[in-house]
Amino acid sequence: VLYRFGATLDAAEPIETGVTVSNGIGFAPDGTLAYYADTPTGRIDVFDNVDDRLVERRPFVETGANPDGLCVDAEGGVWVACYVGALMGFQDA
């Protein structure tokens, strides 16, 4: 389960089920999208970020590897470290 914590960190709210090994989350520079790495699926998913709520999860890219970390650069590029030494970069069209 993927949880959302409030500012006080005293209450966790489940926002997504059906996840395995969560290994990275990053937000687009304008805050409208969130990218999420789930290692065993080999996939990076993207959510819409609406009023600080992640909704409409959908596949962004299938890496063909095991994503093991994720960040988004200032231009919106999604960078993913992959288990066993690969590094991949993706740009949303």
PDB file of N, CA and C in Angstrom:
ATOM      1  N   VAL A   1       0.850  -1.176   0.000  1.00  0.00           N
ATOM      2  CA  VAL A   1       0.000   0.000   0.000  1.00  0.00           C
ATOM      3  C   VAL A   1       0.898   1.242   0.000  1.00  0.00           C
ATOM      4  N   LEU A   2       0.554   2.217  -0.818  1.00  0.00           N
ATOM      5  CA  LEU A   2       1.249   3.502  -0.841  1.00  0.00           C
ATOM      6  C   LEU A   2       0.454   4.462   0.039  1.00  0.00           C
ATOM      7  N   TYR A   3       1.153   5.110   0.979  1.00  0.00           N
ATOM      8  CA  TYR A   3       0.494   5.988   1.944  1.00  0.00           C
ATOM      9  C   TYR A   3       0.866   7.446   1.708  1.00  0.00           C
ATOM     10  N   ARG A   4      -0.016   8.303   2.127  1.00  0.00           N
ATOM     11  CA  ARG A   4       0.212   9.750   2.136  1.00  0.00           C
ATOM     12  C   ARG A   4       0.195  10.201   3.587  1.00  0.00           C
ATOM     13  N   PHE A   5       1.213  10.972   3.964  1.00  0.00           N
ATOM     14  CA  PHE A   5       1.284  11.525   5.315  1.00  0.00           C
ATOM     15  C   PHE A   5       0.982  13.006   5.262  1.00  0.00           C
ATOM     16  N   GLY A   6       0.289  13.505   6.272  1.00  0.00           N
ATOM     17  CA  GLY A   6       0.029  14.930   6.391  1.00  0.00           C
ATOM     18  C   GLY A   6       1.254  15.650   6.935  1.00  0.00           C
ATOM     19  N   ALA A   7       1.149  16.938   7.056  1.00  0.00           N
ATOM     20  CA  ALA A   7       2.269  17.769   7.501  1.00  0.00           C
ATOM     21  C   ALA A   7       2.748  17.405   8.901  1.00  0.00           C
ATOM     22  N   THR A   8       1.860  16.920   9.754  1.00  0.00           N
ATOM     23  CA  THR A   8       2.251  16.600  11.129  1.00  0.00           C
ATOM     24  C   THR A   8       2.758  15.165  11.271  1.00  0.00           C
ATOM     25  N   LEU A   9       2.681  14.373  10.208  1.00  0.00           N
ATOM     26  CA  LEU A   9       3.145  12.985  10.188  1.00  0.00           C
ATOM     27  C   LEU A   9       2.449  12.084  11.199  1.00  0.00           C
ATOM     28  N   ASP A  10       1.300  12.498  11.693  1.00  0.00           N
ATOM     29  CA  ASP A  10       0.621  11.685  12.710  1.00  0.00           C
ATOM     30  C   ASP A  10      -0.446  10.761  12.142  1.00  0.00           C
ATOM     31  N   ALA A  11      -0.812  10.910  10.892  1.00  0.00           N
ATOM     32  CA  ALA A  11      -1.845  10.048  10.321  1.00  0.00           C
ATOM     33  C   ALA A  11      -1.459   9.677   8.893  1.00  0.00           C
ATOM     34  N   ALA A  12      -1.456   8.391   8.606  1.00  0.00           N
ATOM     35  CA  ALA A  12      -1.152   7.910   7.263  1.00  0.00           C
ATOM     36  C   ALA A  12      -2.461   7.567   6.558  1.00  0.00           C
ATOM     37  N   GLU A  13      -2.582   8.063   5.342  1.00  0.00           N
ATOM     38  CA  GLU A  13      -3.773   7.811   4.544  1.00  0.00           C
ATOM     39  C   GLU A  13      -3.392   6.929   3.354  1.00  0.00           C
ATOM     40  N   PRO A  14      -3.991   5.729   3.236  1.00  0.00           N
ATOM     41  CA  PRO A  14      -3.676   4.896   2.071  1.00  0.00           C
ATOM     42  C   PRO A  14      -4.225   5.541   0.794  1.00  0.00           C
ATOM     43  N   ILE A  15      -3.365   5.623  -0.239  1.00  0.00           N
ATOM     44  CA  ILE A  15      -3.826   6.227  -1.487  1.00  0.00           C
ATOM     45  C   ILE A  15      -3.769   5.275  -2.674  1.00  0.00           C
ATOM     46  N   GLU A  16      -3.034   4.167  -2.536  1.00  0.00           N
ATOM     47  CA  GLU A  16      -2.935   3.238  -3.662  1.00  0.00           C
ATOM     48  C   GLU A  16      -2.614   1.846  -3.147  1.00  0.00           C
ATOM     49  N   THR A  17      -3.357   0.868  -3.630  1.00  0.00           N
ATOM     50  CA  THR A  17      -3.061  -0.523  -3.327  1.00  0.00           C
ATOM     51  C   THR A  17      -2.495  -1.163  -4.594  1.00  0.00           C
ATOM     52  N   GLY A  18      -2.119  -2.404  -4.520  1.00  0.00           N
ATOM     53  CA  GLY A  18      -1.596  -3.080  -5.695  1.00  0.00           C
ATOM     54  C   GLY A  18      -0.177  -2.661  -6.036  1.00  0.00           C
ATOM     55  N   VAL A  19       0.600  -2.273  -5.034  1.00  0.00           N
ATOM     56  CA  VAL A  19       2.003  -1.948  -5.244  1.00  0.00           C
ATOM     57  C   VAL A  19       2.839  -3.061  -4.628  1.00  0.00           C
ATOM     58  N   THR A  20       4.064  -3.208  -5.084  1.00  0.00           N
ATOM     59  CA  THR A  20       4.927  -4.255  -4.529  1.00  0.00           C
ATOM     60  C   THR A  20       6.087  -3.618  -3.775  1.00  0.00           C
ATOM     61  N   VAL A  21       7.149  -3.226  -4.473  1.00  0.00           N
ATOM     62  CA  VAL A  21       8.298  -2.593  -3.829  1.00  0.00           C
ATOM     63  C   VAL A  21       8.396  -1.154  -4.335  1.00  0.00           C
ATOM     64  N   SER A  22       7.912  -0.233  -3.538  1.00  0.00           N
ATOM     65  CA  SER A  22       7.954   1.188  -3.898  1.00  0.00           C
ATOM     66  C   SER A  22       9.396   1.657  -3.804  1.00  0.00           C
ATOM     67  N   ASN A  23       9.928   2.183  -4.919  1.00  0.00           N
ATOM     68  CA  ASN A  23      11.339   2.541  -4.933  1.00  0.00           C
ATOM     69  C   ASN A  23      11.595   3.870  -5.620  1.00  0.00           C
ATOM     70  N   GLY A  24      10.704   4.798  -5.462  1.00  0.00           N
ATOM     71  CA  GLY A  24      10.944   6.134  -5.979  1.00  0.00           C
ATOM     72  C   GLY A  24       9.659   6.839  -6.327  1.00  0.00           C
ATOM     73  N   ILE A  25       9.613   8.109  -5.982  1.00  0.00           N
ATOM     74  CA  ILE A  25       8.504   8.961  -6.382  1.00  0.00           C
ATOM     75  C   ILE A  25       9.077  10.363  -6.600  1.00  0.00           C
ATOM     76  N   GLY A  26       8.606  11.012  -7.656  1.00  0.00           N
ATOM     77  CA  GLY A  26       9.072  12.359  -7.958  1.00  0.00           C
ATOM     78  C   GLY A  26       7.974  13.139  -8.647  1.00  0.00           C
ATOM     79  N   PHE A  27       8.019  14.452  -8.505  1.00  0.00           N
ATOM     80  CA  PHE A  27       6.967  15.313  -9.044  1.00  0.00           C
ATOM     81  C   PHE A  27       7.495  16.158 -10.194  1.00  0.00           C
ATOM     82  N   ALA A  28       6.651  16.361 -11.206  1.00  0.00           N
ATOM     83  CA  ALA A  28       6.968  17.244 -12.315  1.00  0.00           C
ATOM     84  C   ALA A  28       7.218  18.646 -11.765  1.00  0.00           C
ATOM     85  N   PRO A  29       8.029  19.444 -12.467  1.00  0.00           N
ATOM     86  CA  PRO A  29       8.333  20.792 -11.972  1.00  0.00           C
ATOM     87  C   PRO A  29       7.104  21.640 -11.657  1.00  0.00           C
ATOM     88  N   ASP A  30       6.035  21.478 -12.414  1.00  0.00           N
ATOM     89  CA  ASP A  30       4.834  22.273 -12.142  1.00  0.00           C
ATOM     90  C   ASP A  30       3.915  21.619 -11.119  1.00  0.00           C
ATOM     91  N   GLY A  31       4.287  20.440 -10.614  1.00  0.00           N
ATOM     92  CA  GLY A  31       3.523  19.767  -9.564  1.00  0.00           C
ATOM     93  C   GLY A  31       2.280  19.039 -10.024  1.00  0.00           C
ATOM     94  N   THR A  32       1.996  19.004 -11.309  1.00  0.00           N
ATOM     95  CA  THR A  32       0.745  18.400 -11.780  1.00  0.00           C
ATOM     96  C   THR A  32       0.822  16.892 -11.956  1.00  0.00           C
ATOM     97  N   LEU A  33       2.033  16.343 -12.014  1.00  0.00           N
ATOM     98  CA  LEU A  33       2.209  14.902 -12.210  1.00  0.00           C
ATOM     99  C   LEU A  33       3.150  14.347 -11.149  1.00  0.00           C
ATOM    100  N   ALA A  34       2.928  13.088 -10.787  1.00  0.00           N
ATOM    101  CA  ALA A  34       3.832  12.369  -9.898  1.00  0.00           C
ATOM    102  C   ALA A  34       4.217  11.068 -10.588  1.00  0.00           C
ATOM    103  N   TYR A  35       5.515  10.787 -10.612  1.00  0.00           N
ATOM    104  CA  TYR A  35       6.040   9.565 -11.214  1.00  0.00           C
ATOM    105  C   TYR A  35       6.412   8.604 -10.101  1.00  0.00           C
ATOM    106  N   TYR A  36       6.127   7.319 -10.318  1.00  0.00           N
ATOM    107  CA  TYR A  36       6.254   6.330  -9.255  1.00  0.00           C
ATOM    108  C   TYR A  36       6.933   5.068  -9.789  1.00  0.00           C
ATOM    109  N   ALA A  37       8.015   4.648  -9.142  1.00  0.00           N
ATOM    110  CA  ALA A  37       8.744   3.437  -9.523  1.00  0.00           C
ATOM    111  C   ALA A  37       8.345   2.283  -8.615  1.00  0.00           C
ATOM    112  N   ASP A  38       8.008   1.160  -9.230  1.00  0.00           N
ATOM    113  CA  ASP A  38       7.665  -0.069  -8.513  1.00  0.00           C
ATOM    114  C   ASP A  38       8.580  -1.173  -9.067  1.00  0.00           C
ATOM    115  N   THR A  39       9.607  -1.547  -8.298  1.00  0.00           N
ATOM    116  CA  THR A  39      10.707  -2.360  -8.800  1.00  0.00           C
ATOM    117  C   THR A  39      10.305  -3.657  -9.505  1.00  0.00           C
ATOM    118  N   PRO A  40       9.581  -4.595  -8.875  1.00  0.00           N
ATOM    119  CA  PRO A  40       9.346  -5.877  -9.535  1.00  0.00           C
ATOM    120  C   PRO A  40       8.522  -5.798 -10.828  1.00  0.00           C
ATOM    121  N   THR A  41       7.745  -4.750 -10.988  1.00  0.00           N
ATOM    122  CA  THR A  41       6.950  -4.627 -12.214  1.00  0.00           C
ATOM    123  C   THR A  41       7.793  -4.142 -13.385  1.00  0.00           C
ATOM    124  N   GLY A  42       8.950  -3.545 -13.117  1.00  0.00           N
ATOM    125  CA  GLY A  42       9.782  -2.984 -14.172  1.00  0.00           C
ATOM    126  C   GLY A  42       9.165  -1.755 -14.807  1.00  0.00           C
ATOM    127  N   ARG A  43       8.264  -1.131 -14.102  1.00  0.00           N
ATOM    128  CA  ARG A  43       7.476  -0.049 -14.698  1.00  0.00           C
ATOM    129  C   ARG A  43       7.553   1.219 -13.868  1.00  0.00           C
ATOM    130  N   ILE A  44       7.481   2.345 -14.573  1.00  0.00           N
ATOM    131  CA  ILE A  44       7.283   3.641 -13.951  1.00  0.00           C
ATOM    132  C   ILE A  44       5.854   4.051 -14.288  1.00  0.00           C
ATOM    133  N   ASP A  45       5.088   4.381 -13.275  1.00  0.00           N
ATOM    134  CA  ASP A  45       3.716   4.854 -13.475  1.00  0.00           C
ATOM    135  C   ASP A  45       3.660   6.353 -13.244  1.00  0.00           C
ATOM    136  N   VAL A  46       2.606   6.967 -13.725  1.00  0.00           N
ATOM    137  CA  VAL A  46       2.409   8.397 -13.515  1.00  0.00           C
ATOM    138  C   VAL A  46       1.006   8.605 -12.955  1.00  0.00           C
ATOM    139  N   PHE A  47       0.900   9.533 -12.029  1.00  0.00           N
ATOM    140  CA  PHE A  47      -0.375   9.942 -11.440  1.00  0.00           C
ATOM    141  C   PHE A  47      -0.618  11.396 -11.797  1.00  0.00           C
ATOM    142  N   ASP A  48      -1.865  11.794 -11.869  1.00  0.00           N
ATOM    143  CA  ASP A  48      -2.203  13.209 -11.861  1.00  0.00           C
ATOM    144  C   ASP A  48      -2.194  13.646 -10.402  1.00  0.00           C
ATOM    145  N   ASN A  49      -1.657  14.821 -10.127  1.00  0.00           N
ATOM    146  CA  ASN A  49      -1.655  15.374  -8.783  1.00  0.00           C
ATOM    147  C   ASN A  49      -2.686  16.498  -8.753  1.00  0.00           C
ATOM    148  N   VAL A  50      -3.832  16.204  -8.175  1.00  0.00           N
ATOM    149  CA  VAL A  50      -4.947  17.143  -8.140  1.00  0.00           C
ATOM    150  C   VAL A  50      -5.227  17.510  -6.692  1.00  0.00           C
ATOM    151  N   ASP A  51      -5.031  18.771  -6.353  1.00  0.00           N
ATOM    152  CA  ASP A  51      -5.248  19.243  -4.980  1.00  0.00           C
ATOM    153  C   ASP A  51      -4.493  18.385  -3.972  1.00  0.00           C
ATOM    154  N   ASP A  52      -3.232  18.097  -4.280  1.00  0.00           N
ATOM    155  CA  ASP A  52      -2.355  17.273  -3.437  1.00  0.00           C
ATOM    156  C   ASP A  52      -2.893  15.865  -3.209  1.00  0.00           C
ATOM    157  N   ARG A  53      -3.630  15.366  -4.165  1.00  0.00           N
ATOM    158  CA  ARG A  53      -4.123  13.979  -4.155  1.00  0.00           C
ATOM    159  C   ARG A  53      -3.646  13.312  -5.433  1.00  0.00           C
ATOM    160  N   LEU A  54      -3.055  12.122  -5.309  1.00  0.00           N
ATOM    161  CA  LEU A  54      -2.601  11.387  -6.477  1.00  0.00           C
ATOM    162  C   LEU A  54      -3.747  10.543  -7.004  1.00  0.00           C
ATOM    163  N   VAL A  55      -4.118  10.781  -8.258  1.00  0.00           N
ATOM    164  CA  VAL A  55      -5.254  10.098  -8.877  1.00  0.00           C
ATOM    165  C   VAL A  55      -4.882   9.646 -10.288  1.00  0.00           C
ATOM    166  N   GLU A  56      -5.670   8.761 -10.845  1.00  0.00           N
ATOM    167  CA  GLU A  56      -5.530   8.311 -12.234  1.00  0.00           C
ATOM    168  C   GLU A  56      -4.157   7.703 -12.527  1.00  0.00           C
ATOM    169  N   ARG A  57      -3.791   6.691 -11.737  1.00  0.00           N
ATOM    170  CA  ARG A  57      -2.525   5.985 -11.980  1.00  0.00           C
ATOM    171  C   ARG A  57      -2.576   5.290 -13.337  1.00  0.00           C
ATOM    172  N   ARG A  58      -1.479   5.432 -14.096  1.00  0.00           N
ATOM    173  CA  ARG A  58      -1.394   4.790 -15.402  1.00  0.00           C
ATOM    174  C   ARG A  58       0.083   4.555 -15.728  1.00  0.00           C
ATOM    175  N   PRO A  59       0.372   3.594 -16.615  1.00  0.00           N
ATOM    176  CA  PRO A  59       1.768   3.349 -16.983  1.00  0.00           C
ATOM    177  C   PRO A  59       2.376   4.554 -17.689  1.00  0.00           C
ATOM    178  N   PHE A  60       3.616   4.867 -17.350  1.00  0.00           N
ATOM    179  CA  PHE A  60       4.387   5.906 -18.023  1.00  0.00           C
ATOM    180  C   PHE A  60       5.400   5.254 -18.962  1.00  0.00           C
ATOM    181  N   VAL A  61       6.171   4.288 -18.441  1.00  0.00           N
ATOM    182  CA  VAL A  61       7.141   3.573 -19.271  1.00  0.00           C
ATOM    183  C   VAL A  61       7.454   2.219 -18.649  1.00  0.00           C
ATOM    184  N   GLU A  62       7.651   1.218 -19.492  1.00  0.00           N
ATOM    185  CA  GLU A  62       8.148  -0.089 -19.066  1.00  0.00           C
ATOM    186  C   GLU A  62       9.648  -0.057 -19.287  1.00  0.00           C
ATOM    187  N   THR A  63      10.438  -0.216 -18.239  1.00  0.00           N
ATOM    188  CA  THR A  63      11.881  -0.030 -18.337  1.00  0.00           C
ATOM    189  C   THR A  63      12.608  -1.242 -18.917  1.00  0.00           C
ATOM    190  N   GLY A  64      12.035  -2.423 -18.785  1.00  0.00           N
ATOM    191  CA  GLY A  64      12.757  -3.629 -19.171  1.00  0.00           C
ATOM    192  C   GLY A  64      13.851  -3.960 -18.163  1.00  0.00           C
ATOM    193  N   ALA A  65      13.835  -3.298 -17.024  1.00  0.00           N
ATOM    194  CA  ALA A  65      14.820  -3.492 -15.950  1.00  0.00           C
ATOM    195  C   ALA A  65      14.088  -3.360 -14.623  1.00  0.00           C
ATOM    196  N   ASN A  66      14.845  -3.271 -13.535  1.00  0.00           N
ATOM    197  CA  ASN A  66      14.261  -3.128 -12.200  1.00  0.00           C
ATOM    198  C   ASN A  66      14.508  -1.718 -11.689  1.00  0.00           C
ATOM    199  N   PRO A  67      13.531  -0.800 -11.807  1.00  0.00           N
ATOM    200  CA  PRO A  67      13.740   0.563 -11.323  1.00  0.00           C
ATOM    201  C   PRO A  67      13.998   0.564  -9.816  1.00  0.00           C
ATOM    202  N   ASP A  68      15.037   1.305  -9.417  1.00  0.00           N
ATOM    203  CA  ASP A  68      15.484   1.277  -8.035  1.00  0.00           C
ATOM    204  C   ASP A  68      15.841   2.688  -7.565  1.00  0.00           C
ATOM    205  N   GLY A  69      14.984   3.622  -7.864  1.00  0.00           N
ATOM    206  CA  GLY A  69      15.196   5.012  -7.499  1.00  0.00           C
ATOM    207  C   GLY A  69      14.730   5.892  -8.649  1.00  0.00           C
ATOM    208  N   LEU A  70      14.280   7.092  -8.340  1.00  0.00           N
ATOM    209  CA  LEU A  70      13.706   7.958  -9.354  1.00  0.00           C
ATOM    210  C   LEU A  70      13.826   9.402  -8.911  1.00  0.00           C
ATOM    211  N   CYS A  71      14.073  10.289  -9.883  1.00  0.00           N
ATOM    212  CA  CYS A  71      14.001  11.721  -9.619  1.00  0.00           C
ATOM    213  C   CYS A  71      13.552  12.418 -10.904  1.00  0.00           C
ATOM    214  N   VAL A  72      13.074  13.623 -10.757  1.00  0.00           N
ATOM    215  CA  VAL A  72      12.619  14.431 -11.893  1.00  0.00           C
ATOM    216  C   VAL A  72      13.457  15.704 -11.896  1.00  0.00           C
ATOM    217  N   ASP A  73      14.045  16.034 -13.059  1.00  0.00           N
ATOM    218  CA  ASP A  73      14.879  17.236 -13.116  1.00  0.00           C
ATOM    219  C   ASP A  73      14.037  18.487 -13.377  1.00  0.00           C
ATOM    220  N   ALA A  74      14.690  19.638 -13.388  1.00  0.00           N
ATOM    221  CA  ALA A  74      14.009  20.929 -13.509  1.00  0.00           C
ATOM    222  C   ALA A  74      13.292  21.098 -14.845  1.00  0.00           C
ATOM    223  N   GLU A  75      13.670  20.314 -15.851  1.00  0.00           N
ATOM    224  CA  GLU A  75      13.019  20.396 -17.158  1.00  0.00           C
ATOM    225  C   GLU A  75      11.938  19.333 -17.342  1.00  0.00           C
ATOM    226  N   GLY A  76      11.670  18.548 -16.299  1.00  0.00           N
ATOM    227  CA  GLY A  76      10.639  17.515 -16.367  1.00  0.00           C
ATOM    228  C   GLY A  76      11.141  16.169 -16.826  1.00  0.00           C
ATOM    229  N   GLY A  77      12.447  16.021 -16.997  1.00  0.00           N
ATOM    230  CA  GLY A  77      13.006  14.721 -17.351  1.00  0.00           C
ATOM    231  C   GLY A  77      12.934  13.775 -16.165  1.00  0.00           C
ATOM    232  N   VAL A  78      12.563  12.545 -16.423  1.00  0.00           N
ATOM    233  CA  VAL A  78      12.449  11.535 -15.367  1.00  0.00           C
ATOM    234  C   VAL A  78      13.687  10.649 -15.444  1.00  0.00           C
ATOM    235  N   TRP A  79      14.442  10.602 -14.363  1.00  0.00           N
ATOM    236  CA  TRP A  79      15.662   9.807 -14.294  1.00  0.00           C
ATOM    237  C   TRP A  79      15.446   8.642 -13.344  1.00  0.00           C
ATOM    238  N   VAL A  80      15.822   7.460 -13.820  1.00  0.00           N
ATOM    239  CA  VAL A  80      15.562   6.235 -13.071  1.00  0.00           C
ATOM    240  C   VAL A  80      16.853   5.438 -12.937  1.00  0.00           C
ATOM    241  N   ALA A  81      17.235   5.118 -11.710  1.00  0.00           N
ATOM    242  CA  ALA A  81      18.333   4.182 -11.477  1.00  0.00           C
ATOM    243  C   ALA A  81      17.730   2.790 -11.497  1.00  0.00           C
ATOM    244  N   CYS A  82      18.416   1.867 -12.154  1.00  0.00           N
ATOM    245  CA  CYS A  82      17.909   0.501 -12.251  1.00  0.00           C
ATOM    246  C   CYS A  82      18.872  -0.462 -11.586  1.00  0.00           C
ATOM    247  N   TYR A  83      18.305  -1.421 -10.907  1.00  0.00           N
ATOM    248  CA  TYR A  83      19.087  -2.437 -10.220  1.00  0.00           C
ATOM    249  C   TYR A  83      20.005  -3.127 -11.222  1.00  0.00           C
ATOM    250  N   VAL A  84      21.222  -3.352 -10.865  1.00  0.00           N
ATOM    251  CA  VAL A  84      22.283  -3.945 -11.657  1.00  0.00           C
ATOM    252  C   VAL A  84      22.904  -2.908 -12.596  1.00  0.00           C
ATOM    253  N   GLY A  85      22.965  -1.654 -12.153  1.00  0.00           N
ATOM    254  CA  GLY A  85      23.829  -0.681 -12.762  1.00  0.00           C
ATOM    255  C   GLY A  85      23.367   0.107 -13.960  1.00  0.00           C
ATOM    256  N   ALA A  86      22.127   0.115 -14.326  1.00  0.00           N
ATOM    257  CA  ALA A  86      21.676   0.910 -15.473  1.00  0.00           C
ATOM    258  C   ALA A  86      21.119   2.245 -14.993  1.00  0.00           C
ATOM    259  N   LEU A  87      21.185   3.243 -15.851  1.00  0.00           N
ATOM    260  CA  LEU A  87      20.554   4.533 -15.597  1.00  0.00           C
ATOM    261  C   LEU A  87      19.810   4.917 -16.858  1.00  0.00           C
ATOM    262  N   MET A  88      18.540   5.276 -16.723  1.00  0.00           N
ATOM    263  CA  MET A  88      17.711   5.609 -17.879  1.00  0.00           C
ATOM    264  C   MET A  88      17.075   6.965 -17.676  1.00  0.00           C
ATOM    265  N   GLY A  89      16.883   7.690 -18.750  1.00  0.00           N
ATOM    266  CA  GLY A  89      16.183   8.969 -18.692  1.00  0.00           C
ATOM    267  C   GLY A  89      15.014   8.964 -19.644  1.00  0.00           C
ATOM    268  N   PHE A  90      13.906   9.555 -19.234  1.00  0.00           N
ATOM    269  CA  PHE A  90      12.684   9.599 -20.033  1.00  0.00           C
ATOM    270  C   PHE A  90      12.119  11.010 -19.996  1.00  0.00           C
ATOM    271  N   GLN A  91      11.501  11.420 -21.068  1.00  0.00           N
ATOM    272  CA  GLN A  91      10.857  12.733 -21.130  1.00  0.00           C
ATOM    273  C   GLN A  91       9.407  12.518 -21.529  1.00  0.00           C
ATOM    274  N   ASP A  92       8.488  13.090 -20.793  1.00  0.00           N
ATOM    275  CA  ASP A  92       7.061  13.014 -21.136  1.00  0.00           C
ATOM    276  C   ASP A  92       6.832  13.846 -22.387  1.00  0.00           C
ATOM    277  N   ALA A  93       6.105  13.284 -23.344  1.00  0.00           N
ATOM    278  CA  ALA A  93       5.862  13.987 -24.609  1.00  0.00           C
ATOM    279  C   ALA A  93       4.821  15.063 -24.481  1.00  0.00           C
TER     280      ALA A  93
END
